[in-house]
Amino acid sequence: PPIIIIPPEDTTMNMSQDAILQCQAEAYPSNLTYEWWKQGQNVYHIEILKSRVKIQVDGTLLISGLIPEDSGNYTCTPTNGLMTPPSASAYLKVK
């Protein structure tokens, strides 16, 4: 199963900046897919977020043009289909 080697870190950003939350994992087999959640909801299912988020191949979450409502706890879950995937969280504060 995957092991998170670079967890996301708590970050404070200004409004309208672009946020980058890292999350890197290693696994064998290495067919990793990354999911990001905000307060338990998939970021792609959150109306105000879904058009501004992108999850890169390496697991990094990009949020463009931050707004105060983006503040919250973000959780990364890497999975390769084996066993229970690990998760790591970080708090993003937008001022």
Protein backbone atom coordinates (compact mmCIF):
# COMPACT_ATOMS: atom_id res chain seq x y z
CA PRO A 1 0.00 0.00 0.00
CA PRO A 2 1.07 3.64 -0.41
CA ILE A 3 3.23 5.44 2.14
CA ILE A 4 3.06 9.24 2.25
CA ILE A 5 6.62 10.59 2.01
CA ILE A 6 5.82 14.30 1.66
CA PRO A 7 2.67 15.28 3.58
CA PRO A 8 0.90 18.61 3.03
CA GLU A 9 1.79 21.42 5.44
CA ASP A 10 -0.39 24.01 7.14
CA THR A 11 -0.30 27.13 4.98
CA THR A 12 -1.46 30.74 5.25
CA MET A 13 -2.01 32.58 1.97
CA ASN A 14 -3.46 35.90 0.86
CA MET A 15 -6.68 36.21 -1.10
CA SER A 16 -6.33 35.83 -4.89
CA GLN A 17 -3.00 33.99 -4.54
CA ASP A 18 -2.61 30.44 -5.85
CA ALA A 19 -2.23 27.71 -3.24
CA ILE A 20 -0.02 24.67 -3.69
CA LEU A 21 -0.49 21.79 -1.25
CA GLN A 22 1.99 18.98 -1.69
CA CYS A 23 1.34 15.32 -1.12
CA GLN A 24 3.72 12.67 -2.37
CA ALA A 25 3.51 8.96 -1.80
CA GLU A 26 5.42 5.85 -2.75
CA ALA A 27 3.88 2.48 -3.44
CA TYR A 28 4.40 -0.80 -5.20
CA PRO A 29 2.81 -1.18 -7.67
CA SER A 30 3.22 2.54 -8.29
CA ASN A 31 -0.09 3.12 -10.10
CA LEU A 32 -1.01 5.82 -7.61
CA THR A 33 -4.04 8.04 -7.84
CA TYR A 34 -4.50 10.96 -5.48
CA GLU A 35 -7.73 12.28 -4.06
CA TRP A 36 -8.09 15.52 -2.14
CA TRP A 37 -10.87 16.25 0.33
CA LYS A 38 -11.93 19.41 2.09
CA GLN A 39 -13.76 18.83 5.38
CA GLY A 40 -14.64 15.32 4.14
CA GLN A 41 -15.88 16.35 0.67
CA ASN A 42 -14.06 15.60 -2.58
CA VAL A 43 -12.65 18.92 -3.86
CA TYR A 44 -14.12 18.23 -7.31
CA HIS A 45 -17.60 18.05 -5.77
CA ILE A 46 -17.45 21.44 -4.00
CA GLU A 47 -19.25 24.00 -6.13
CA ILE A 48 -17.06 27.05 -5.33
CA LEU A 49 -13.85 25.02 -5.67
CA LYS A 50 -14.25 22.59 -8.54
CA SER A 51 -13.49 25.03 -11.37
CA ARG A 52 -10.32 26.27 -9.60
CA VAL A 53 -8.67 23.05 -8.42
CA LYS A 54 -6.25 20.77 -10.17
CA ILE A 55 -4.61 17.63 -8.83
CA GLN A 56 -1.26 17.03 -10.48
CA VAL A 57 0.19 13.62 -11.29
CA ASP A 58 2.57 13.85 -8.32
CA GLY A 59 -0.33 14.46 -5.92
CA THR A 60 0.09 18.23 -5.58
CA LEU A 61 -3.17 20.15 -5.17
CA LEU A 62 -3.34 23.51 -6.92
CA ILE A 63 -6.06 26.02 -6.05
CA SER A 64 -6.07 29.16 -8.17
CA GLY A 65 -7.39 32.58 -7.15
CA LEU A 66 -7.99 31.91 -3.47
CA ILE A 67 -11.08 33.27 -1.75
CA PRO A 68 -11.70 33.36 2.03
CA GLU A 69 -14.18 30.47 1.73
CA ASP A 70 -11.31 28.21 0.63
CA SER A 71 -9.96 28.20 4.19
CA GLY A 72 -10.25 24.83 5.84
CA ASN A 73 -8.75 21.42 6.38
CA TYR A 74 -7.54 19.62 3.25
CA THR A 75 -6.81 15.91 3.24
CA CYS A 76 -4.83 13.99 0.65
CA THR A 77 -5.46 10.27 0.08
CA PRO A 78 -3.11 8.38 -2.24
CA THR A 79 -4.37 4.99 -3.36
CA ASN A 80 -3.18 2.14 -5.56
CA GLY A 81 -6.11 -0.14 -4.82
CA LEU A 82 -4.31 -2.10 -2.11
CA MET A 83 -5.53 -2.14 1.47
CA THR A 84 -6.66 1.01 3.29
CA PRO A 85 -5.05 4.12 1.81
CA PRO A 86 -3.22 6.46 4.17
CA SER A 87 -4.19 10.10 4.46
CA ALA A 88 -2.53 13.32 5.55
CA SER A 89 -4.12 16.67 6.32
CA ALA A 90 -3.14 20.31 6.37
CA TYR A 91 -4.98 23.51 7.21
CA LEU A 92 -5.17 26.24 4.59
CA LYS A 93 -5.90 29.71 5.91
CA VAL A 94 -6.85 32.48 3.46
CA LYS A 95 -6.63 36.05 4.69
